[in-house]
C-alpha atoms as a PDB file:
ATOM      1  CA  UNK A   1     -32.968  -4.481 -18.594  1.00  0.00           C
ATOM      2  CA  UNK A   2     -30.560  -7.418 -18.609  1.00  0.00           C
ATOM      3  CA  UNK A   3     -27.961  -4.352 -18.065  1.00  0.00           C
ATOM      4  CA  UNK A   4     -29.693  -3.303 -14.348  1.00  0.00           C
ATOM      5  CA  UNK A   5     -29.104  -6.383 -12.777  1.00  0.00           C
ATOM      6  CA  UNK A   6     -25.414  -6.763 -13.937  1.00  0.00           C
ATOM      7  CA  UNK A   7     -24.874  -3.273 -13.201  1.00  0.00           C
ATOM      8  CA  UNK A   8     -25.995  -4.097  -9.538  1.00  0.00           C
ATOM      9  CA  UNK A   9     -23.735  -7.534  -9.173  1.00  0.00           C
ATOM     10  CA  UNK A  10     -20.691  -5.413 -10.147  1.00  0.00           C
ATOM     11  CA  UNK A  11     -21.431  -2.533  -7.737  1.00  0.00           C
ATOM     12  CA  UNK A  12     -22.121  -5.833  -5.141  1.00  0.00           C
ATOM     13  CA  UNK A  13     -18.949  -7.067  -6.395  1.00  0.00           C
ATOM     14  CA  UNK A  14     -16.772  -3.856  -6.065  1.00  0.00           C
ATOM     15  CA  UNK A  15     -17.851  -3.441  -2.696  1.00  0.00           C
ATOM     16  CA  UNK A  16     -17.086  -6.793  -1.207  1.00  0.00           C
ATOM     17  CA  UNK A  17     -13.743  -6.552  -2.551  1.00  0.00           C
ATOM     18  CA  UNK A  18     -13.007  -3.372  -1.043  1.00  0.00           C
ATOM     19  CA  UNK A  19     -14.739  -4.822   2.679  1.00  0.00           C
ATOM     20  CA  UNK A  20     -12.513  -7.645   1.981  1.00  0.00           C
ATOM     21  CA  UNK A  21      -8.797  -7.363   3.721  1.00  0.00           C
ATOM     22  CA  UNK A  22      -7.683  -9.880   1.524  1.00  0.00           C
ATOM     23  CA  UNK A  23      -9.081  -9.066  -1.781  1.00  0.00           C
ATOM     24  CA  UNK A  24      -7.806  -5.320  -0.798  1.00  0.00           C
ATOM     25  CA  UNK A  25      -4.321  -6.376   0.493  1.00  0.00           C
ATOM     26  CA  UNK A  26      -3.924  -8.566  -2.656  1.00  0.00           C
ATOM     27  CA  UNK A  27      -5.182  -5.581  -5.330  1.00  0.00           C
ATOM     28  CA  UNK A  28      -1.876  -3.183  -2.947  1.00  0.00           C
ATOM     29  CA  UNK A  29       0.237  -5.951  -3.638  1.00  0.00           C
ATOM     30  CA  UNK A  30      -1.193  -6.197  -7.412  1.00  0.00           C
ATOM     31  CA  UNK A  31      -0.804  -1.885  -7.843  1.00  0.00           C
ATOM     32  CA  UNK A  32       2.626  -1.690  -5.823  1.00  0.00           C
ATOM     33  CA  UNK A  33       3.487  -4.356  -9.067  1.00  0.00           C
ATOM     34  CA  UNK A  34       3.141  -1.527 -11.357  1.00  0.00           C
ATOM     35  CA  UNK A  35       5.429   0.862  -9.581  1.00  0.00           C
ATOM     36  CA  UNK A  36       8.349   1.452 -12.221  1.00  0.00           C
ATOM     37  CA  UNK A  37      11.508   0.763 -10.576  1.00  0.00           C
ATOM     38  CA  UNK A  38      14.297   3.712 -10.630  1.00  0.00           C
ATOM     39  CA  UNK A  39      17.175   2.355 -12.915  1.00  0.00           C
ATOM     40  CA  UNK A  40      20.130   0.513 -11.849  1.00  0.00           C
ATOM     41  CA  UNK A  41      22.069   2.591 -13.863  1.00  0.00           C
ATOM     42  CA  UNK A  42      20.659   6.100 -11.150  1.00  0.00           C
ATOM     43  CA  UNK A  43      19.287   7.402 -14.702  1.00  0.00           C
ATOM     44  CA  UNK A  44      16.596   8.775 -14.218  1.00  0.00           C
ATOM     45  CA  UNK A  45      12.965   7.298 -15.232  1.00  0.00           C
ATOM     46  CA  UNK A  46      11.860   8.430 -19.201  1.00  0.00           C
ATOM     47  CA  UNK A  47       8.722  10.543 -18.898  1.00  0.00           C
ATOM     48  CA  UNK A  48       6.129   7.725 -19.309  1.00  0.00           C
ATOM     49  CA  UNK A  49       7.375   6.343 -16.352  1.00  0.00           C
ATOM     50  CA  UNK A  50       6.943   9.287 -14.348  1.00  0.00           C
ATOM     51  CA  UNK A  51       3.618   9.553 -16.045  1.00  0.00           C
ATOM     52  CA  UNK A  52       2.436   5.890 -15.409  1.00  0.00           C
ATOM     53  CA  UNK A  53       3.945   5.546 -11.676  1.00  0.00           C
ATOM     54  CA  UNK A  54       2.223   9.382 -10.829  1.00  0.00           C
ATOM     55  CA  UNK A  55      -1.395   7.487 -12.168  1.00  0.00           C
ATOM     56  CA  UNK A  56      -0.166   4.272 -10.018  1.00  0.00           C
ATOM     57  CA  UNK A  57       0.810   6.403  -6.896  1.00  0.00           C
ATOM     58  CA  UNK A  58      -2.206   7.555  -6.756  1.00  0.00           C
ATOM     59  CA  UNK A  59      -4.246   4.562  -6.885  1.00  0.00           C
ATOM     60  CA  UNK A  60      -2.067   3.168  -3.975  1.00  0.00           C
ATOM     61  CA  UNK A  61      -2.451   6.611  -1.944  1.00  0.00           C
ATOM     62  CA  UNK A  62      -6.433   5.750  -1.429  1.00  0.00           C
ATOM     63  CA  UNK A  63      -5.671   2.355   0.497  1.00  0.00           C
ATOM     64  CA  UNK A  64      -3.382   4.069   2.954  1.00  0.00           C
ATOM     65  CA  UNK A  65      -4.477   6.137   5.870  1.00  0.00           C
ATOM     66  CA  UNK A  66      -1.620   8.846   5.749  1.00  0.00           C
ATOM     67  CA  UNK A  67      -3.091  10.940   8.345  1.00  0.00           C
ATOM     68  CA  UNK A  68      -2.726   7.657  11.005  1.00  0.00           C
ATOM     69  CA  UNK A  69       0.236   6.298   9.820  1.00  0.00           C
ATOM     70  CA  UNK A  70       2.152  10.092  10.194  1.00  0.00           C
ATOM     71  CA  UNK A  71       0.271  10.422  13.443  1.00  0.00           C
ATOM     72  CA  UNK A  72       1.790   6.812  14.597  1.00  0.00           C
ATOM     73  CA  UNK A  73       5.462   7.334  13.304  1.00  0.00           C
ATOM     74  CA  UNK A  74       5.296  11.003  15.584  1.00  0.00           C
ATOM     75  CA  UNK A  75       2.959   9.919  18.449  1.00  0.00           C
ATOM     76  CA  UNK A  76       5.348  10.398  21.268  1.00  0.00           C
ATOM     77  CA  UNK A  77       6.558  13.795  19.941  1.00  0.00           C
ATOM     78  CA  UNK A  78       3.722  15.375  18.022  1.00  0.00           C
ATOM     79  CA  UNK A  79       3.555  18.033  21.192  1.00  0.00           C
ATOM     80  CA  UNK A  80       6.380  19.574  20.204  1.00  0.00           C
ATOM     81  CA  UNK A  81       5.577  19.929  16.075  1.00  0.00           C
ATOM     82  CA  UNK A  82       4.153  23.715  15.287  1.00  0.00           C
ATOM     83  CA  UNK A  83       1.211  22.770  12.916  1.00  0.00           C
ATOM     84  CA  UNK A  84       3.813  24.184  10.188  1.00  0.00           C
ATOM     85  CA  UNK A  85       6.463  21.512  11.278  1.00  0.00           C
ATOM     86  CA  UNK A  86       3.736  18.715  11.235  1.00  0.00           C
ATOM     87  CA  UNK A  87       2.528  19.484   7.273  1.00  0.00           C
ATOM     88  CA  UNK A  88       5.632  19.393   6.482  1.00  0.00           C
ATOM     89  CA  UNK A  89       6.803  16.265   8.341  1.00  0.00           C
ATOM     90  CA  UNK A  90       3.009  14.750   6.993  1.00  0.00           C
ATOM     91  CA  UNK A  91       4.401  16.449   3.423  1.00  0.00           C
ATOM     92  CA  UNK A  92       7.929  14.342   3.239  1.00  0.00           C
ATOM     93  CA  UNK A  93       6.670  11.097   5.140  1.00  0.00           C
ATOM     94  CA  UNK A  94       4.460  10.895   2.508  1.00  0.00           C
ATOM     95  CA  UNK A  95       6.686  11.538  -0.941  1.00  0.00           C
ATOM     96  CA  UNK A  96       9.646   9.220   1.350  1.00  0.00           C
ATOM     97  CA  UNK A  97       6.676   6.265   1.012  1.00  0.00           C
ATOM     98  CA  UNK A  98       5.530   7.195  -2.274  1.00  0.00           C
ATOM     99  CA  UNK A  99       9.133   7.329  -3.788  1.00  0.00           C
ATOM    100  CA  UNK A 100      10.845   4.763  -1.482  1.00  0.00           C
ATOM    101  CA  UNK A 101       8.473   2.463  -0.250  1.00  0.00           C
ATOM    102  CA  UNK A 102       6.407   2.192  -3.044  1.00  0.00           C
ATOM    103  CA  UNK A 103       9.465   1.264  -5.629  1.00  0.00           C
ATOM    104  CA  UNK A 104      11.350  -1.092  -3.399  1.00  0.00           C
ATOM    105  CA  UNK A 105       8.534  -2.945  -2.302  1.00  0.00           C
ATOM    106  CA  UNK A 106       7.313  -2.667  -5.438  1.00  0.00           C
ATOM    107  CA  UNK A 107      10.158  -4.334  -7.245  1.00  0.00           C
ATOM    108  CA  UNK A 108      10.262  -6.884  -3.884  1.00  0.00           C
ATOM    109  CA  UNK A 109       6.879  -7.842  -4.811  1.00  0.00           C
ATOM    110  CA  UNK A 110       7.709  -8.408  -8.846  1.00  0.00           C
ATOM    111  CA  UNK A 111      10.788 -11.153  -7.212  1.00  0.00           C
ATOM    112  CA  UNK A 112       8.356 -13.224  -4.312  1.00  0.00           C
ATOM    113  CA  UNK A 113       6.464 -15.694  -3.469  1.00  0.00           C
ATOM    114  CA  UNK A 114       3.954 -15.119  -1.022  1.00  0.00           C
ATOM    115  CA  UNK A 115       0.616 -16.501   0.582  1.00  0.00           C
ATOM    116  CA  UNK A 116      -1.691 -14.158   2.364  1.00  0.00           C
ATOM    117  CA  UNK A 117      -4.369 -14.817   5.120  1.00  0.00           C
ATOM    118  CA  UNK A 118      -6.929 -13.094   7.241  1.00  0.00           C
ATOM    119  CA  UNK A 119      -5.273 -13.316  10.921  1.00  0.00           C
ATOM    120  CA  UNK A 120      -8.279 -10.671  12.077  1.00  0.00           C
ATOM    121  CA  UNK A 121     -12.171  -9.830  11.236  1.00  0.00           C
ATOM    122  CA  UNK A 122     -13.699  -6.971  11.564  1.00  0.00           C
ATOM    123  CA  UNK A 123     -13.732  -2.951  11.439  1.00  0.00           C
ATOM    124  CA  UNK A 124      -9.545  -3.829  12.707  1.00  0.00           C
ATOM    125  CA  UNK A 125      -8.233  -5.944  10.341  1.00  0.00           C
ATOM    126  CA  UNK A 126      -5.190  -7.701   9.668  1.00  0.00           C
ATOM    127  CA  UNK A 127      -3.766  -9.882   6.537  1.00  0.00           C
ATOM    128  CA  UNK A 128      -0.930 -11.490   7.372  1.00  0.00           C
ATOM    129  CA  UNK A 129       1.554 -12.049   4.576  1.00  0.00           C
ATOM    130  CA  UNK A 130       4.573 -15.316   3.986  1.00  0.00           C
ATOM    131  CA  UNK A 131       6.808 -13.582   1.665  1.00  0.00           C
ATOM    132  CA  UNK A 132       9.646 -15.369   0.085  1.00  0.00           C
ATOM    133  CA  UNK A 133      11.994 -14.268  -2.554  1.00  0.00           C
ATOM    134  CA  UNK A 134      14.476 -17.145  -3.392  1.00  0.00           C
ATOM    135  CA  UNK A 135      17.253 -15.712  -5.334  1.00  0.00           C
ATOM    136  CA  UNK A 136      18.342 -14.013  -2.019  1.00  0.00           C
ATOM    137  CA  UNK A 137      16.532 -16.760   0.663  1.00  0.00           C
ATOM    138  CA  UNK A 138      15.390 -14.532   2.061  1.00  0.00           C
ATOM    139  CA  UNK A 139      12.095 -14.572   3.842  1.00  0.00           C
ATOM    140  CA  UNK A 140       9.333 -12.293   5.577  1.00  0.00           C
ATOM    141  CA  UNK A 141       6.220 -12.008   7.455  1.00  0.00           C
ATOM    142  CA  UNK A 142       4.652  -8.565   6.678  1.00  0.00           C
ATOM    143  CA  UNK A 143       1.498  -8.165   7.983  1.00  0.00           C
ATOM    144  CA  UNK A 144      -0.917  -5.469   7.016  1.00  0.00           C
ATOM    145  CA  UNK A 145      -3.277  -3.402   9.790  1.00  0.00           C
ATOM    146  CA  UNK A 146      -6.867  -2.088   8.054  1.00  0.00           C
ATOM    147  CA  UNK A 147      -9.078   0.197   9.327  1.00  0.00           C
ATOM    148  CA  UNK A 148     -12.175   0.960   7.341  1.00  0.00           C
ATOM    149  CA  UNK A 149     -10.661  -0.422   4.407  1.00  0.00           C
ATOM    150  CA  UNK A 150      -7.861   1.361   4.190  1.00  0.00           C
ATOM    151  CA  UNK A 151      -3.579   0.749   6.070  1.00  0.00           C
ATOM    152  CA  UNK A 152      -3.130   2.463   9.117  1.00  0.00           C
ATOM    153  CA  UNK A 153      -0.215   0.300   9.412  1.00  0.00           C
ATOM    154  CA  UNK A 154       2.646  -2.278   8.818  1.00  0.00           C
ATOM    155  CA  UNK A 155       4.339  -4.598  10.600  1.00  0.00           C
ATOM    156  CA  UNK A 156       7.736  -6.534   9.078  1.00  0.00           C
ATOM    157  CA  UNK A 157       8.909  -9.620  11.059  1.00  0.00           C
END
C-alpha cells in the first residue's frame, strides 16, 4: 500500500523538475558534463567512450527543440531552401551541435563555476547563467530560452 503514494510522489517530483526551468537547466548542464571529449592528442574516442556519448547525446537531444533552433538559424533564407536541402541542413546542424557544442560545453562546465537564476517565468522561460572559468580568467553570461521545457535558443554574452 505504501508503494502507491511513493510512486505518485516520484511522478509529482519528476513533473515539477521538468516544469522548473532552473532545475531543467541544471540537469542539462550536468548531462553536458557527461560528454566524453576528444583526446587532446587528436586521436579518436575509444569504442566505450563513443558508446557512452551516443547515450549522452540522446539525453541531451531531449532538452533541445531542434526544429525551432534550425528555423531560427535560417529564418531569413528558409524560403530559398528546397525541402531536401533543408532536411540536409537540419541533419548537419544537429550533428554539429552534438559533436562540437556538446563536447566543448561539457568540457567548459566541468571546470567552470556557475550560478543559475530564473530571469523569466512561464511557458517562455529564461534562465540566466553567470559562468566563470578561473584558469582562463574568463566570465560569461549565458541565457537559456525555454519553451514547453525545451531549449529553443541560447544567448551568450
